[in-house]
Amino acid sequence: MQYNSDLHHRKSIRIPSYDYSQEGWYFVTICTYQREKLFGEIINKNIKLNKYGNIAKQCWMEIPFHYPNVKMDEFIVMPNHVHGIINIFEKHDTSVLNVVGIQNFESLRVNKYQHIIPGSIGTIIRGFKTGVTKWFRKNTDIYIVWQRNYWEHVIRNENDLNRIRDYIISNPLKWTEDKYFF
């Protein structure tokens, strides 16, 4: 199919001119393709992860190994989505990029075509989704795991952080009321 700007152009849901690689707290939600319940089920208001859900959970918990300037906070893998809080606690160290062969970090950072910003929430989520997808493609007949894009919220204060933590923790309790439930 040829590119058609009327069909393929989507308005960004990101805050214009906001640097998503800067220090801060971010709440993200990532949905499975067509909201398929790949990761388990809710039983007695608790999540019971299957082996696919455990792979997603493992990949989520390994994010700080790939991004040492990131701490993971509260998260949950639900049957068809993942909620999590990510804390970027310092700017991404670009010297790591030189080790892997990326010499001109600044030109990469402002790449207007691919929008790759190392250490940004987008790059972190892309890495997570890629890791889970690679596992699925190698071990199952499922080729498309994730819905395009993800939802994020910049956490602005401690009250916001605590409210979101409570939301994540109580997510299985409210599964039948969840907008991702069907």
N, C-alpha and C. Protein backbone atom coordinates (compact mmCIF):
# COMPACT_ATOMS: atom_id res chain seq x y z
N MET A 1 0.84 -1.18 0.00
CA MET A 1 0.00 0.00 0.00
C MET A 1 0.88 1.24 0.00
N GLN A 2 0.57 2.16 -0.86
CA GLN A 2 1.33 3.39 -0.97
C GLN A 2 0.96 4.34 0.16
N TYR A 3 1.91 5.15 0.57
CA TYR A 3 1.67 6.12 1.65
C TYR A 3 0.60 7.11 1.24
N ASN A 4 -0.37 7.31 2.10
CA ASN A 4 -1.45 8.26 1.89
C ASN A 4 -1.55 9.10 3.15
N SER A 5 -1.22 10.39 3.04
CA SER A 5 -1.17 11.24 4.24
C SER A 5 -2.52 11.36 4.93
N ASP A 6 -3.62 11.21 4.20
CA ASP A 6 -4.94 11.26 4.83
C ASP A 6 -5.18 10.04 5.70
N LEU A 7 -4.66 8.89 5.29
CA LEU A 7 -4.85 7.65 6.03
C LEU A 7 -3.78 7.43 7.09
N HIS A 8 -2.56 7.78 6.77
CA HIS A 8 -1.43 7.41 7.61
C HIS A 8 -0.94 8.50 8.55
N HIS A 9 -1.34 9.72 8.33
CA HIS A 9 -0.87 10.79 9.20
C HIS A 9 -1.72 10.79 10.48
N ARG A 10 -1.04 10.62 11.58
CA ARG A 10 -1.72 10.63 12.87
C ARG A 10 -1.17 11.78 13.70
N LYS A 11 -2.05 12.44 14.38
CA LYS A 11 -1.64 13.53 15.25
C LYS A 11 -0.95 12.94 16.48
N SER A 12 0.18 13.51 16.83
CA SER A 12 0.92 13.04 18.00
C SER A 12 0.15 13.36 19.28
N ILE A 13 0.19 12.42 20.22
CA ILE A 13 -0.45 12.65 21.51
C ILE A 13 0.56 13.18 22.54
N ARG A 14 1.78 13.41 22.12
CA ARG A 14 2.82 13.90 23.01
C ARG A 14 2.71 15.41 23.21
N ILE A 15 3.25 15.89 24.32
CA ILE A 15 3.27 17.32 24.60
C ILE A 15 4.28 17.97 23.65
N PRO A 16 3.86 18.93 22.85
CA PRO A 16 4.79 19.56 21.91
C PRO A 16 5.99 20.17 22.64
N SER A 17 7.14 19.99 22.10
CA SER A 17 8.42 20.52 22.58
C SER A 17 8.84 20.01 23.96
N TYR A 18 8.16 18.99 24.50
CA TYR A 18 8.56 18.42 25.78
C TYR A 18 9.67 17.41 25.54
N ASP A 19 10.72 17.44 26.34
CA ASP A 19 11.83 16.50 26.22
C ASP A 19 11.54 15.26 27.06
N TYR A 20 11.10 14.19 26.40
CA TYR A 20 10.73 12.96 27.10
C TYR A 20 11.94 12.13 27.53
N SER A 21 13.14 12.69 27.39
CA SER A 21 14.32 12.02 27.94
C SER A 21 14.78 12.71 29.22
N GLN A 22 14.11 13.79 29.61
CA GLN A 22 14.53 14.51 30.80
C GLN A 22 14.13 13.75 32.07
N GLU A 23 14.80 14.10 33.15
CA GLU A 23 14.50 13.49 34.44
C GLU A 23 13.04 13.71 34.77
N GLY A 24 12.43 12.67 35.34
CA GLY A 24 11.04 12.79 35.74
C GLY A 24 10.37 11.44 35.86
N TRP A 25 9.12 11.50 36.23
CA TRP A 25 8.29 10.32 36.42
C TRP A 25 7.26 10.26 35.30
N TYR A 26 7.08 9.07 34.73
CA TYR A 26 6.18 8.88 33.60
C TYR A 26 5.30 7.66 33.85
N PHE A 27 4.02 7.81 33.58
CA PHE A 27 3.08 6.71 33.66
C PHE A 27 2.75 6.29 32.23
N VAL A 28 2.91 5.00 31.95
CA VAL A 28 2.64 4.53 30.59
C VAL A 28 1.64 3.37 30.61
N THR A 29 0.89 3.27 29.53
CA THR A 29 0.00 2.14 29.29
C THR A 29 0.28 1.65 27.88
N ILE A 30 0.49 0.36 27.76
CA ILE A 30 0.80 -0.26 26.48
C ILE A 30 -0.21 -1.38 26.27
N CYS A 31 -0.93 -1.34 25.15
CA CYS A 31 -2.00 -2.32 24.90
C CYS A 31 -1.56 -3.36 23.87
N THR A 32 -2.08 -4.56 24.02
CA THR A 32 -1.85 -5.60 23.03
C THR A 32 -2.64 -5.28 21.77
N TYR A 33 -2.21 -5.88 20.68
CA TYR A 33 -2.87 -5.71 19.39
C TYR A 33 -4.31 -6.18 19.48
N GLN A 34 -5.23 -5.32 19.08
CA GLN A 34 -6.67 -5.56 19.13
C GLN A 34 -7.13 -5.96 20.53
N ARG A 35 -6.35 -5.52 21.51
CA ARG A 35 -6.63 -5.78 22.94
C ARG A 35 -6.87 -7.25 23.24
N GLU A 36 -6.13 -8.08 22.52
CA GLU A 36 -6.22 -9.52 22.75
C GLU A 36 -5.66 -9.85 24.13
N LYS A 37 -6.33 -10.73 24.83
CA LYS A 37 -5.91 -11.10 26.19
C LYS A 37 -4.83 -12.17 26.12
N LEU A 38 -3.61 -11.71 25.90
CA LEU A 38 -2.47 -12.60 25.70
C LEU A 38 -1.79 -13.02 27.00
N PHE A 39 -1.88 -12.20 28.04
CA PHE A 39 -0.99 -12.34 29.18
C PHE A 39 -1.55 -13.06 30.39
N GLY A 40 -2.80 -13.45 30.36
CA GLY A 40 -3.37 -14.16 31.49
C GLY A 40 -4.82 -13.79 31.69
N GLU A 41 -5.28 -13.96 32.90
CA GLU A 41 -6.68 -13.67 33.20
C GLU A 41 -6.82 -13.17 34.64
N ILE A 42 -7.94 -12.53 34.89
CA ILE A 42 -8.26 -12.07 36.23
C ILE A 42 -9.11 -13.15 36.89
N ILE A 43 -8.64 -13.67 38.02
CA ILE A 43 -9.37 -14.67 38.78
C ILE A 43 -9.51 -14.16 40.20
N ASN A 44 -10.74 -14.06 40.67
CA ASN A 44 -11.01 -13.55 42.01
C ASN A 44 -10.32 -12.20 42.26
N LYS A 45 -10.40 -11.34 41.27
CA LYS A 45 -9.87 -9.98 41.33
C LYS A 45 -8.34 -9.92 41.48
N ASN A 46 -7.67 -10.98 41.05
CA ASN A 46 -6.20 -11.01 41.02
C ASN A 46 -5.76 -11.43 39.62
N ILE A 47 -4.63 -10.89 39.18
CA ILE A 47 -4.09 -11.28 37.88
C ILE A 47 -3.39 -12.62 38.01
N LYS A 48 -3.70 -13.51 37.13
CA LYS A 48 -3.02 -14.82 37.02
C LYS A 48 -2.33 -14.80 35.67
N LEU A 49 -1.02 -14.51 35.70
CA LEU A 49 -0.26 -14.43 34.46
C LEU A 49 -0.01 -15.83 33.90
N ASN A 50 -0.08 -15.95 32.58
CA ASN A 50 0.33 -17.17 31.91
C ASN A 50 1.81 -17.02 31.53
N LYS A 51 2.35 -17.95 30.77
CA LYS A 51 3.79 -17.85 30.44
C LYS A 51 4.09 -16.60 29.62
N TYR A 52 3.14 -16.16 28.77
CA TYR A 52 3.35 -14.95 27.98
C TYR A 52 3.37 -13.71 28.89
N GLY A 53 2.49 -13.71 29.86
CA GLY A 53 2.45 -12.61 30.82
C GLY A 53 3.72 -12.55 31.65
N ASN A 54 4.25 -13.72 31.99
CA ASN A 54 5.51 -13.75 32.75
C ASN A 54 6.67 -13.25 31.90
N ILE A 55 6.65 -13.51 30.59
CA ILE A 55 7.70 -12.97 29.71
C ILE A 55 7.60 -11.45 29.67
N ALA A 56 6.38 -10.92 29.51
CA ALA A 56 6.19 -9.46 29.50
C ALA A 56 6.66 -8.85 30.82
N LYS A 57 6.32 -9.50 31.93
CA LYS A 57 6.74 -9.02 33.25
C LYS A 57 8.27 -9.02 33.37
N GLN A 58 8.89 -10.09 32.93
CA GLN A 58 10.35 -10.20 32.99
C GLN A 58 11.00 -9.11 32.14
N CYS A 59 10.51 -8.91 30.93
CA CYS A 59 11.07 -7.86 30.07
C CYS A 59 10.90 -6.48 30.69
N TRP A 60 9.76 -6.24 31.33
CA TRP A 60 9.52 -4.95 31.99
C TRP A 60 10.54 -4.74 33.11
N MET A 61 10.73 -5.77 33.92
CA MET A 61 11.63 -5.64 35.06
C MET A 61 13.10 -5.51 34.63
N GLU A 62 13.42 -5.93 33.40
CA GLU A 62 14.79 -5.83 32.90
C GLU A 62 15.11 -4.49 32.26
N ILE A 63 14.14 -3.60 32.15
CA ILE A 63 14.38 -2.30 31.52
C ILE A 63 15.58 -1.58 32.14
N PRO A 64 15.74 -1.53 33.48
CA PRO A 64 16.91 -0.82 34.04
C PRO A 64 18.26 -1.41 33.65
N PHE A 65 18.31 -2.68 33.25
CA PHE A 65 19.57 -3.26 32.79
C PHE A 65 19.98 -2.67 31.44
N HIS A 66 19.00 -2.24 30.66
CA HIS A 66 19.26 -1.64 29.35
C HIS A 66 19.38 -0.12 29.44
N TYR A 67 18.76 0.45 30.46
CA TYR A 67 18.76 1.89 30.66
C TYR A 67 19.11 2.16 32.13
N PRO A 68 20.41 2.23 32.44
CA PRO A 68 20.83 2.35 33.84
C PRO A 68 20.41 3.65 34.53
N ASN A 69 19.92 4.61 33.77
CA ASN A 69 19.44 5.86 34.36
C ASN A 69 17.94 5.82 34.64
N VAL A 70 17.38 4.60 34.65
CA VAL A 70 15.95 4.42 34.83
C VAL A 70 15.68 3.53 36.03
N LYS A 71 14.68 3.92 36.82
CA LYS A 71 14.19 3.08 37.91
C LYS A 71 12.75 2.75 37.60
N MET A 72 12.37 1.52 37.89
CA MET A 72 10.99 1.10 37.70
C MET A 72 10.26 1.27 39.02
N ASP A 73 9.05 1.72 38.94
CA ASP A 73 8.21 1.90 40.11
C ASP A 73 7.07 0.89 39.99
N GLU A 74 5.91 1.24 40.47
CA GLU A 74 4.75 0.34 40.44
C GLU A 74 4.41 -0.01 38.99
N PHE A 75 4.04 -1.28 38.75
CA PHE A 75 3.59 -1.70 37.43
C PHE A 75 2.71 -2.93 37.59
N ILE A 76 1.98 -3.22 36.52
CA ILE A 76 1.18 -4.44 36.48
C ILE A 76 1.01 -4.87 35.03
N VAL A 77 1.13 -6.18 34.84
CA VAL A 77 0.81 -6.77 33.55
C VAL A 77 -0.61 -7.31 33.67
N MET A 78 -1.49 -6.78 32.86
CA MET A 78 -2.90 -7.19 32.85
C MET A 78 -3.11 -8.11 31.65
N PRO A 79 -4.29 -8.71 31.50
CA PRO A 79 -4.50 -9.63 30.38
C PRO A 79 -4.19 -9.06 29.00
N ASN A 80 -4.50 -7.77 28.79
CA ASN A 80 -4.30 -7.20 27.46
C ASN A 80 -3.60 -5.84 27.46
N HIS A 81 -2.96 -5.51 28.55
CA HIS A 81 -2.20 -4.26 28.60
C HIS A 81 -1.23 -4.28 29.78
N VAL A 82 -0.33 -3.33 29.74
CA VAL A 82 0.65 -3.14 30.82
C VAL A 82 0.56 -1.70 31.27
N HIS A 83 0.49 -1.51 32.58
CA HIS A 83 0.58 -0.17 33.18
C HIS A 83 1.89 -0.12 33.95
N GLY A 84 2.60 0.99 33.87
CA GLY A 84 3.81 1.11 34.66
C GLY A 84 4.26 2.54 34.85
N ILE A 85 4.99 2.73 35.92
CA ILE A 85 5.60 4.02 36.22
C ILE A 85 7.11 3.88 36.03
N ILE A 86 7.65 4.77 35.24
CA ILE A 86 9.09 4.79 34.95
C ILE A 86 9.65 6.10 35.46
N ASN A 87 10.76 6.02 36.17
CA ASN A 87 11.45 7.21 36.67
C ASN A 87 12.79 7.33 35.96
N ILE A 88 12.94 8.38 35.16
CA ILE A 88 14.24 8.70 34.58
C ILE A 88 14.91 9.62 35.60
N PHE A 89 15.99 9.15 36.21
CA PHE A 89 16.56 9.92 37.31
C PHE A 89 17.80 10.70 36.94
N GLU A 90 18.28 10.56 35.72
CA GLU A 90 19.34 11.44 35.21
C GLU A 90 19.33 11.37 33.71
N LYS A 91 19.92 12.37 33.08
CA LYS A 91 19.96 12.39 31.62
C LYS A 91 20.69 11.16 31.12
N HIS A 92 20.27 10.69 29.97
CA HIS A 92 20.88 9.52 29.35
C HIS A 92 22.36 9.78 29.08
N ASP A 93 23.21 8.82 29.41
CA ASP A 93 24.65 8.93 29.20
C ASP A 93 24.97 8.61 27.75
N THR A 94 25.34 9.62 26.97
CA THR A 94 25.59 9.41 25.54
C THR A 94 26.91 8.69 25.28
N SER A 95 27.78 8.57 26.27
CA SER A 95 29.04 7.86 26.04
C SER A 95 28.78 6.39 25.74
N VAL A 96 27.68 5.85 26.25
CA VAL A 96 27.30 4.47 25.95
C VAL A 96 27.04 4.32 24.46
N LEU A 97 26.48 5.34 23.84
CA LEU A 97 26.19 5.28 22.41
C LEU A 97 27.47 5.19 21.59
N ASN A 98 28.51 5.88 22.02
CA ASN A 98 29.78 5.81 21.30
C ASN A 98 30.36 4.41 21.33
N VAL A 99 30.17 3.70 22.42
CA VAL A 99 30.66 2.32 22.53
C VAL A 99 29.97 1.43 21.49
N VAL A 100 28.69 1.66 21.24
CA VAL A 100 27.97 0.82 20.28
C VAL A 100 28.05 1.38 18.87
N GLY A 101 28.87 2.38 18.65
CA GLY A 101 29.14 2.84 17.30
C GLY A 101 28.35 4.06 16.84
N ILE A 102 27.66 4.72 17.73
CA ILE A 102 26.94 5.93 17.34
C ILE A 102 27.82 7.10 17.76
N GLN A 103 28.45 7.72 16.78
CA GLN A 103 29.42 8.76 17.06
C GLN A 103 28.79 10.15 17.14
N ASN A 104 27.78 10.40 16.34
CA ASN A 104 27.21 11.74 16.25
C ASN A 104 25.87 11.77 16.96
N PHE A 105 25.91 11.80 18.28
CA PHE A 105 24.69 11.74 19.09
C PHE A 105 23.73 12.88 18.78
N GLU A 106 24.23 14.09 18.65
CA GLU A 106 23.34 15.24 18.46
C GLU A 106 22.55 15.13 17.16
N SER A 107 23.15 14.63 16.09
CA SER A 107 22.38 14.49 14.86
C SER A 107 21.33 13.39 15.01
N LEU A 108 21.65 12.36 15.79
CA LEU A 108 20.68 11.30 16.06
C LEU A 108 19.53 11.85 16.90
N ARG A 109 19.86 12.67 17.87
CA ARG A 109 18.87 13.20 18.79
C ARG A 109 17.79 14.03 18.08
N VAL A 110 18.16 14.75 17.06
CA VAL A 110 17.21 15.62 16.38
C VAL A 110 16.75 15.03 15.05
N ASN A 111 16.91 13.73 14.87
CA ASN A 111 16.50 13.07 13.65
C ASN A 111 15.01 13.30 13.45
N LYS A 112 14.66 14.19 12.51
CA LYS A 112 13.26 14.56 12.34
C LYS A 112 12.43 13.50 11.63
N TYR A 113 13.08 12.50 11.07
CA TYR A 113 12.34 11.48 10.34
C TYR A 113 11.97 10.28 11.20
N GLN A 114 12.87 9.87 12.07
CA GLN A 114 12.61 8.69 12.90
C GLN A 114 12.31 9.06 14.35
N HIS A 115 12.58 10.26 14.74
CA HIS A 115 12.30 10.74 16.08
C HIS A 115 12.94 9.85 17.16
N ILE A 116 14.16 9.42 16.93
CA ILE A 116 14.87 8.60 17.91
C ILE A 116 15.59 9.52 18.87
N ILE A 117 15.21 9.45 20.12
CA ILE A 117 15.91 10.22 21.15
C ILE A 117 16.37 9.21 22.20
N PRO A 118 17.65 8.87 22.20
CA PRO A 118 18.15 7.87 23.16
C PRO A 118 17.79 8.23 24.59
N GLY A 119 17.36 7.23 25.33
CA GLY A 119 17.02 7.43 26.73
C GLY A 119 15.66 8.02 26.97
N SER A 120 14.90 8.29 25.91
CA SER A 120 13.57 8.87 26.08
C SER A 120 12.56 7.78 26.43
N ILE A 121 11.41 8.18 26.91
CA ILE A 121 10.35 7.23 27.20
C ILE A 121 10.00 6.45 25.94
N GLY A 122 9.94 7.12 24.80
CA GLY A 122 9.63 6.44 23.55
C GLY A 122 10.63 5.34 23.22
N THR A 123 11.90 5.61 23.42
CA THR A 123 12.94 4.61 23.16
C THR A 123 12.85 3.46 24.15
N ILE A 124 12.57 3.76 25.40
CA ILE A 124 12.44 2.72 26.43
C ILE A 124 11.26 1.81 26.10
N ILE A 125 10.12 2.39 25.76
CA ILE A 125 8.94 1.60 25.44
C ILE A 125 9.16 0.80 24.15
N ARG A 126 9.80 1.42 23.16
CA ARG A 126 10.11 0.70 21.92
C ARG A 126 10.96 -0.53 22.23
N GLY A 127 11.97 -0.38 23.11
CA GLY A 127 12.82 -1.50 23.47
C GLY A 127 12.05 -2.61 24.17
N PHE A 128 11.17 -2.23 25.08
CA PHE A 128 10.34 -3.22 25.79
C PHE A 128 9.45 -3.97 24.81
N LYS A 129 8.75 -3.24 23.97
CA LYS A 129 7.84 -3.86 23.01
C LYS A 129 8.61 -4.77 22.04
N THR A 130 9.78 -4.34 21.62
CA THR A 130 10.60 -5.14 20.71
C THR A 130 11.04 -6.44 21.38
N GLY A 131 11.48 -6.36 22.63
CA GLY A 131 11.91 -7.56 23.34
C GLY A 131 10.80 -8.58 23.48
N VAL A 132 9.62 -8.14 23.86
CA VAL A 132 8.48 -9.05 24.01
C VAL A 132 8.09 -9.62 22.64
N THR A 133 8.05 -8.76 21.64
CA THR A 133 7.66 -9.21 20.29
C THR A 133 8.64 -10.24 19.75
N LYS A 134 9.95 -10.01 19.94
CA LYS A 134 10.94 -10.99 19.47
C LYS A 134 10.73 -12.34 20.12
N TRP A 135 10.43 -12.34 21.42
CA TRP A 135 10.19 -13.61 22.10
C TRP A 135 8.97 -14.30 21.50
N PHE A 136 7.88 -13.56 21.29
CA PHE A 136 6.66 -14.13 20.70
C PHE A 136 6.94 -14.71 19.32
N ARG A 137 7.66 -13.97 18.49
CA ARG A 137 7.91 -14.43 17.12
C ARG A 137 8.79 -15.68 17.10
N LYS A 138 9.66 -15.79 18.07
CA LYS A 138 10.55 -16.96 18.13
C LYS A 138 9.83 -18.18 18.71
N ASN A 139 8.90 -17.97 19.63
CA ASN A 139 8.32 -19.08 20.39
C ASN A 139 6.84 -19.37 20.15
N THR A 140 6.18 -18.54 19.35
CA THR A 140 4.75 -18.74 19.09
C THR A 140 4.47 -18.43 17.62
N ASP A 141 3.23 -18.57 17.24
CA ASP A 141 2.82 -18.17 15.89
C ASP A 141 2.21 -16.77 15.89
N ILE A 142 2.33 -16.05 17.00
CA ILE A 142 1.82 -14.68 17.10
C ILE A 142 2.89 -13.74 16.58
N TYR A 143 2.54 -12.98 15.56
CA TYR A 143 3.50 -12.08 14.92
C TYR A 143 3.34 -10.64 15.42
N ILE A 144 2.10 -10.18 15.60
CA ILE A 144 1.84 -8.82 16.07
C ILE A 144 1.34 -8.91 17.51
N VAL A 145 2.12 -8.36 18.42
CA VAL A 145 1.80 -8.42 19.85
C VAL A 145 1.16 -7.13 20.32
N TRP A 146 1.67 -6.00 19.86
CA TRP A 146 1.29 -4.71 20.44
C TRP A 146 0.50 -3.83 19.48
N GLN A 147 -0.37 -3.05 20.08
CA GLN A 147 -1.05 -1.98 19.38
C GLN A 147 0.00 -0.92 19.05
N ARG A 148 -0.19 -0.19 17.99
CA ARG A 148 0.73 0.89 17.63
C ARG A 148 0.73 1.93 18.75
N ASN A 149 1.91 2.45 19.04
CA ASN A 149 2.09 3.53 19.99
C ASN A 149 1.84 3.08 21.44
N TYR A 150 1.64 4.01 22.33
CA TYR A 150 1.39 3.77 23.75
C TYR A 150 0.82 5.06 24.31
N TRP A 151 0.28 4.98 25.49
CA TRP A 151 -0.24 6.17 26.15
C TRP A 151 0.72 6.53 27.27
N GLU A 152 0.98 7.82 27.45
CA GLU A 152 1.83 8.25 28.56
C GLU A 152 1.26 9.48 29.22
N HIS A 153 1.69 9.64 30.46
CA HIS A 153 1.31 10.81 31.26
C HIS A 153 2.55 11.24 32.03
N VAL A 154 2.90 12.50 31.93
CA VAL A 154 4.01 13.04 32.71
C VAL A 154 3.48 13.29 34.12
N ILE A 155 4.08 12.64 35.09
CA ILE A 155 3.65 12.77 36.48
C ILE A 155 4.25 14.06 37.04
N ARG A 156 3.40 14.93 37.53
CA ARG A 156 3.83 16.28 37.88
C ARG A 156 4.11 16.52 39.35
N ASN A 157 3.53 15.68 40.23
CA ASN A 157 3.75 15.92 41.65
C ASN A 157 3.50 14.62 42.43
N GLU A 158 3.77 14.66 43.72
CA GLU A 158 3.65 13.47 44.56
C GLU A 158 2.21 12.97 44.67
N ASN A 159 1.24 13.88 44.71
CA ASN A 159 -0.16 13.45 44.76
C ASN A 159 -0.53 12.68 43.50
N ASP A 160 -0.10 13.19 42.36
CA ASP A 160 -0.33 12.52 41.08
C ASP A 160 0.32 11.13 41.09
N LEU A 161 1.56 11.06 41.56
CA LEU A 161 2.29 9.79 41.64
C LEU A 161 1.54 8.78 42.52
N ASN A 162 1.12 9.21 43.68
CA ASN A 162 0.41 8.29 44.59
C ASN A 162 -0.95 7.86 44.04
N ARG A 163 -1.65 8.76 43.38
CA ARG A 163 -2.93 8.42 42.76
C ARG A 163 -2.74 7.35 41.67
N ILE A 164 -1.69 7.51 40.88
CA ILE A 164 -1.41 6.56 39.80
C ILE A 164 -0.95 5.22 40.37
N ARG A 165 -0.13 5.25 41.41
CA ARG A 165 0.25 3.99 42.07
C ARG A 165 -0.99 3.23 42.54
N ASP A 166 -1.91 3.93 43.19
CA ASP A 166 -3.15 3.30 43.66
C ASP A 166 -3.95 2.73 42.49
N TYR A 167 -4.01 3.48 41.39
CA TYR A 167 -4.72 3.01 40.20
C TYR A 167 -4.12 1.69 39.69
N ILE A 168 -2.81 1.63 39.61
CA ILE A 168 -2.13 0.43 39.12
C ILE A 168 -2.40 -0.75 40.05
N ILE A 169 -2.23 -0.53 41.34
CA ILE A 169 -2.42 -1.60 42.33
C ILE A 169 -3.85 -2.13 42.29
N SER A 170 -4.82 -1.24 42.13
CA SER A 170 -6.23 -1.66 42.16
C SER A 170 -6.76 -2.10 40.80
N ASN A 171 -5.93 -2.08 39.77
CA ASN A 171 -6.40 -2.40 38.43
C ASN A 171 -7.09 -3.77 38.33
N PRO A 172 -6.54 -4.84 38.90
CA PRO A 172 -7.24 -6.13 38.81
C PRO A 172 -8.58 -6.14 39.53
N LEU A 173 -8.70 -5.37 40.60
CA LEU A 173 -9.96 -5.31 41.36
C LEU A 173 -11.09 -4.71 40.53
N LYS A 174 -10.73 -3.83 39.61
CA LYS A 174 -11.72 -3.10 38.82
C LYS A 174 -11.71 -3.56 37.36
N TRP A 175 -11.24 -4.77 37.10
CA TRP A 175 -11.07 -5.26 35.74
C TRP A 175 -12.34 -5.16 34.90
N THR A 176 -13.47 -5.53 35.42
CA THR A 176 -14.69 -5.50 34.62
C THR A 176 -15.17 -4.07 34.34
N GLU A 177 -14.65 -3.10 35.09
CA GLU A 177 -14.97 -1.70 34.84
C GLU A 177 -13.93 -1.02 33.96
N ASP A 178 -12.80 -1.71 33.70
CA ASP A 178 -11.68 -1.15 32.97
C ASP A 178 -12.04 -0.93 31.50
N LYS A 179 -11.57 0.19 30.94
CA LYS A 179 -11.86 0.46 29.53
C LYS A 179 -11.16 -0.53 28.59
N TYR A 180 -10.18 -1.27 29.10
CA TYR A 180 -9.49 -2.26 28.28
C TYR A 180 -10.14 -3.65 28.38
N PHE A 181 -11.16 -3.78 29.22
CA PHE A 181 -11.87 -5.03 29.38
C PHE A 181 -12.95 -5.17 28.32
N PHE A 182 -12.94 -6.28 27.61
CA PHE A 182 -14.06 -6.66 26.75
C PHE A 182 -13.87 -8.06 26.29
